[in-house]
Amino acid sequence: MAPARKPYPSDVSDEEWSLVVPYLVLMREDAEQRHHALRELFNGLRYMIRYGIAWRAMPNDLPPWSAVYQQSRRWMDAGCFEVLASDLRAVLRVASGRRAEPTAAIIDSRTLRSTPESGSR
């Protein structure tokens, strides 16, 4: 369902939403304790990240900052974004003709001293 507000440039598109929603659903959309649409909560998080605002500066036509914050914490605690990023990386690798998982890694073990003020080694 489209929001009953004027969209922000940071709002998730229908195509993006269809890609990310399976990673964000932690309970049924019609769960009794859900007071705000999942997509609107995600739009609130995207707005906050895109414009670098404080949580309490969330615009009034998005869900309350506390609801966006609490749902964002649930997503982060459940590892939703890590799984999404991992799957996207695999899809992009396959699309470019490579294996989904890397077969080699480069490890650099050099240790550099930053400044004398940072303390002893």
C-alpha atoms as a PDB file:
ATOM      1  CA  MET A   1       0.000   0.000   0.000  1.00  0.00           C
ATOM      2  CA  ALA A   2       1.370   3.431  -0.956  1.00  0.00           C
ATOM      3  CA  PRO A   3       1.870   5.928   1.862  1.00  0.00           C
ATOM      4  CA  ALA A   4      -0.809   8.587   2.375  1.00  0.00           C
ATOM      5  CA  ARG A   5       1.864  11.272   2.364  1.00  0.00           C
ATOM      6  CA  LYS A   6       4.009  12.998  -0.210  1.00  0.00           C
ATOM      7  CA  PRO A   7       7.021  10.707  -0.840  1.00  0.00           C
ATOM      8  CA  TYR A   8      10.548  11.707   0.113  1.00  0.00           C
ATOM      9  CA  PRO A   9      13.495  11.136  -2.251  1.00  0.00           C
ATOM     10  CA  SER A  10      14.832   8.669   0.327  1.00  0.00           C
ATOM     11  CA  ASP A  11      11.711   6.453   0.179  1.00  0.00           C
ATOM     12  CA  VAL A  12      12.240   2.906  -0.993  1.00  0.00           C
ATOM     13  CA  SER A  13      10.984   2.201  -4.527  1.00  0.00           C
ATOM     14  CA  ASP A  14       8.604  -0.691  -5.235  1.00  0.00           C
ATOM     15  CA  GLU A  15      11.439  -2.611  -6.888  1.00  0.00           C
ATOM     16  CA  GLU A  16      13.813  -2.049  -3.954  1.00  0.00           C
ATOM     17  CA  TRP A  17      11.072  -2.962  -1.487  1.00  0.00           C
ATOM     18  CA  SER A  18      10.347  -6.262  -3.226  1.00  0.00           C
ATOM     19  CA  LEU A  19      14.045  -7.094  -2.879  1.00  0.00           C
ATOM     20  CA  VAL A  20      14.533  -6.155   0.798  1.00  0.00           C
ATOM     21  CA  VAL A  21      11.204  -7.042   2.418  1.00  0.00           C
ATOM     22  CA  PRO A  22      11.975 -10.784   2.771  1.00  0.00           C
ATOM     23  CA  TYR A  23      15.034  -9.840   4.838  1.00  0.00           C
ATOM     24  CA  LEU A  24      13.125  -7.450   7.107  1.00  0.00           C
ATOM     25  CA  VAL A  25      10.056  -9.463   8.082  1.00  0.00           C
ATOM     26  CA  LEU A  26      10.615 -10.628  11.649  1.00  0.00           C
ATOM     27  CA  MET A  27       6.920 -11.172  12.374  1.00  0.00           C
ATOM     28  CA  ARG A  28       3.715 -11.265  10.359  1.00  0.00           C
ATOM     29  CA  GLU A  29       2.705  -7.959   8.734  1.00  0.00           C
ATOM     30  CA  ASP A  30      -0.710  -8.205  10.431  1.00  0.00           C
ATOM     31  CA  ALA A  31       0.723  -8.972  13.904  1.00  0.00           C
ATOM     32  CA  GLU A  32      -1.358  -7.367  16.608  1.00  0.00           C
ATOM     33  CA  GLN A  33       1.552  -5.430  18.100  1.00  0.00           C
ATOM     34  CA  ARG A  34       2.466  -3.829  14.753  1.00  0.00           C
ATOM     35  CA  HIS A  35       1.231  -0.220  14.774  1.00  0.00           C
ATOM     36  CA  HIS A  36       3.080   1.032  11.677  1.00  0.00           C
ATOM     37  CA  ALA A  37       3.587  -0.425   8.217  1.00  0.00           C
ATOM     38  CA  LEU A  38       6.969  -2.109   7.873  1.00  0.00           C
ATOM     39  CA  ARG A  39       7.681  -0.167   4.693  1.00  0.00           C
ATOM     40  CA  GLU A  40       7.060   3.150   6.444  1.00  0.00           C
ATOM     41  CA  LEU A  41       9.409   2.155   9.267  1.00  0.00           C
ATOM     42  CA  PHE A  42      12.057   1.293   6.672  1.00  0.00           C
ATOM     43  CA  ASN A  43      11.408   4.613   4.919  1.00  0.00           C
ATOM     44  CA  GLY A  44      11.918   6.354   8.272  1.00  0.00           C
ATOM     45  CA  LEU A  45      15.265   4.621   8.727  1.00  0.00           C
ATOM     46  CA  ARG A  46      16.325   5.508   5.173  1.00  0.00           C
ATOM     47  CA  TYR A  47      15.301   9.145   5.753  1.00  0.00           C
ATOM     48  CA  MET A  48      17.307   9.323   8.980  1.00  0.00           C
ATOM     49  CA  ILE A  49      20.391   7.814   7.318  1.00  0.00           C
ATOM     50  CA  ARG A  50      20.095   9.805   4.076  1.00  0.00           C
ATOM     51  CA  TYR A  51      19.720  13.199   5.718  1.00  0.00           C
ATOM     52  CA  GLY A  52      21.845  12.549   8.805  1.00  0.00           C
ATOM     53  CA  ILE A  53      19.210  13.740  11.238  1.00  0.00           C
ATOM     54  CA  ALA A  54      18.879  12.935  14.911  1.00  0.00           C
ATOM     55  CA  TRP A  55      16.255  10.299  15.739  1.00  0.00           C
ATOM     56  CA  ARG A  56      14.045  12.853  17.456  1.00  0.00           C
ATOM     57  CA  ALA A  57      14.087  15.067  14.342  1.00  0.00           C
ATOM     58  CA  MET A  58      12.062  12.534  12.318  1.00  0.00           C
ATOM     59  CA  PRO A  59       9.409  14.342  10.225  1.00  0.00           C
ATOM     60  CA  ASN A  60       5.884  14.127  11.617  1.00  0.00           C
ATOM     61  CA  ASP A  61       4.473  12.397   8.533  1.00  0.00           C
ATOM     62  CA  LEU A  62       6.744   9.364   9.057  1.00  0.00           C
ATOM     63  CA  PRO A  63       6.225   6.955  11.967  1.00  0.00           C
ATOM     64  CA  PRO A  64       7.381   8.285  15.352  1.00  0.00           C
ATOM     65  CA  TRP A  65      11.145   8.264  15.834  1.00  0.00           C
ATOM     66  CA  SER A  66      10.863   5.797  18.721  1.00  0.00           C
ATOM     67  CA  ALA A  67       9.050   3.243  16.535  1.00  0.00           C
ATOM     68  CA  VAL A  68      11.608   3.632  13.725  1.00  0.00           C
ATOM     69  CA  TYR A  69      14.479   3.344  16.219  1.00  0.00           C
ATOM     70  CA  GLN A  70      13.050   0.258  17.946  1.00  0.00           C
ATOM     71  CA  GLN A  71      12.383  -1.551  14.665  1.00  0.00           C
ATOM     72  CA  SER A  72      15.841  -0.599  13.363  1.00  0.00           C
ATOM     73  CA  ARG A  73      17.401  -2.099  16.507  1.00  0.00           C
ATOM     74  CA  ARG A  74      15.402  -5.305  15.961  1.00  0.00           C
ATOM     75  CA  TRP A  75      16.659  -5.512  12.369  1.00  0.00           C
ATOM     76  CA  MET A  76      20.252  -4.895  13.449  1.00  0.00           C
ATOM     77  CA  ASP A  77      20.082  -7.349  16.358  1.00  0.00           C
ATOM     78  CA  ALA A  78      18.658 -10.029  14.022  1.00  0.00           C
ATOM     79  CA  GLY A  79      21.469  -9.425  11.497  1.00  0.00           C
ATOM     80  CA  CYS A  80      19.034  -8.559   8.692  1.00  0.00           C
ATOM     81  CA  PHE A  81      21.333  -6.082   6.968  1.00  0.00           C
ATOM     82  CA  GLU A  82      24.389  -8.340   7.114  1.00  0.00           C
ATOM     83  CA  VAL A  83      22.484 -11.200   5.443  1.00  0.00           C
ATOM     84  CA  LEU A  84      21.064  -8.823   2.822  1.00  0.00           C
ATOM     85  CA  ALA A  85      24.525  -7.407   2.029  1.00  0.00           C
ATOM     86  CA  SER A  86      26.021 -10.905   1.810  1.00  0.00           C
ATOM     87  CA  ASP A  87      23.304 -12.119  -0.562  1.00  0.00           C
ATOM     88  CA  LEU A  88      23.575  -8.982  -2.714  1.00  0.00           C
ATOM     89  CA  ARG A  89      27.335  -9.461  -2.959  1.00  0.00           C
ATOM     90  CA  ALA A  90      26.828 -13.066  -4.101  1.00  0.00           C
ATOM     91  CA  VAL A  91      24.228 -12.030  -6.696  1.00  0.00           C
ATOM     92  CA  LEU A  92      26.499  -9.304  -8.083  1.00  0.00           C
ATOM     93  CA  ARG A  93      29.437 -11.718  -8.262  1.00  0.00           C
ATOM     94  CA  VAL A  94      27.374 -14.299 -10.163  1.00  0.00           C
ATOM     95  CA  ALA A  95      25.993 -11.602 -12.477  1.00  0.00           C
ATOM     96  CA  SER A  96      29.553 -10.601 -13.354  1.00  0.00           C
ATOM     97  CA  GLY A  97      30.484 -14.193 -14.192  1.00  0.00           C
ATOM     98  CA  ARG A  98      32.298 -15.050 -10.970  1.00  0.00           C
ATOM     99  CA  ARG A  99      31.582 -17.603  -8.253  1.00  0.00           C
ATOM    100  CA  ALA A 100      29.150 -16.504  -5.554  1.00  0.00           C
ATOM    101  CA  GLU A 101      31.820 -16.916  -2.869  1.00  0.00           C
ATOM    102  CA  PRO A 102      35.377 -15.611  -3.242  1.00  0.00           C
ATOM    103  CA  THR A 103      38.061 -18.266  -3.687  1.00  0.00           C
ATOM    104  CA  ALA A 104      41.008 -16.091  -2.681  1.00  0.00           C
ATOM    105  CA  ALA A 105      41.768 -13.389  -0.143  1.00  0.00           C
ATOM    106  CA  ILE A 106      44.539 -10.877   0.409  1.00  0.00           C
ATOM    107  CA  ILE A 107      45.729 -10.406   3.956  1.00  0.00           C
ATOM    108  CA  ASP A 108      48.043  -7.529   4.789  1.00  0.00           C
ATOM    109  CA  SER A 109      49.747  -7.957   8.146  1.00  0.00           C
ATOM    110  CA  ARG A 110      51.727  -4.721   8.220  1.00  0.00           C
ATOM    111  CA  THR A 111      51.513  -2.688  11.389  1.00  0.00           C
ATOM    112  CA  LEU A 112      52.048   1.043  11.097  1.00  0.00           C
ATOM    113  CA  ARG A 113      52.574   3.443  13.935  1.00  0.00           C
ATOM    114  CA  SER A 114      50.218   6.373  13.547  1.00  0.00           C
ATOM    115  CA  THR A 115      51.645   9.146  15.757  1.00  0.00           C
ATOM    116  CA  PRO A 116      53.793   9.400  18.878  1.00  0.00           C
ATOM    117  CA  GLU A 117      50.736  10.771  20.709  1.00  0.00           C
ATOM    118  CA  SER A 118      48.884   7.476  20.170  1.00  0.00           C
ATOM    119  CA  GLY A 119      51.146   5.795  22.711  1.00  0.00           C
ATOM    120  CA  SER A 120      53.748   3.086  22.675  1.00  0.00           C
ATOM    121  CA  ARG A 121      53.475  -0.023  20.553  1.00  0.00           C
END
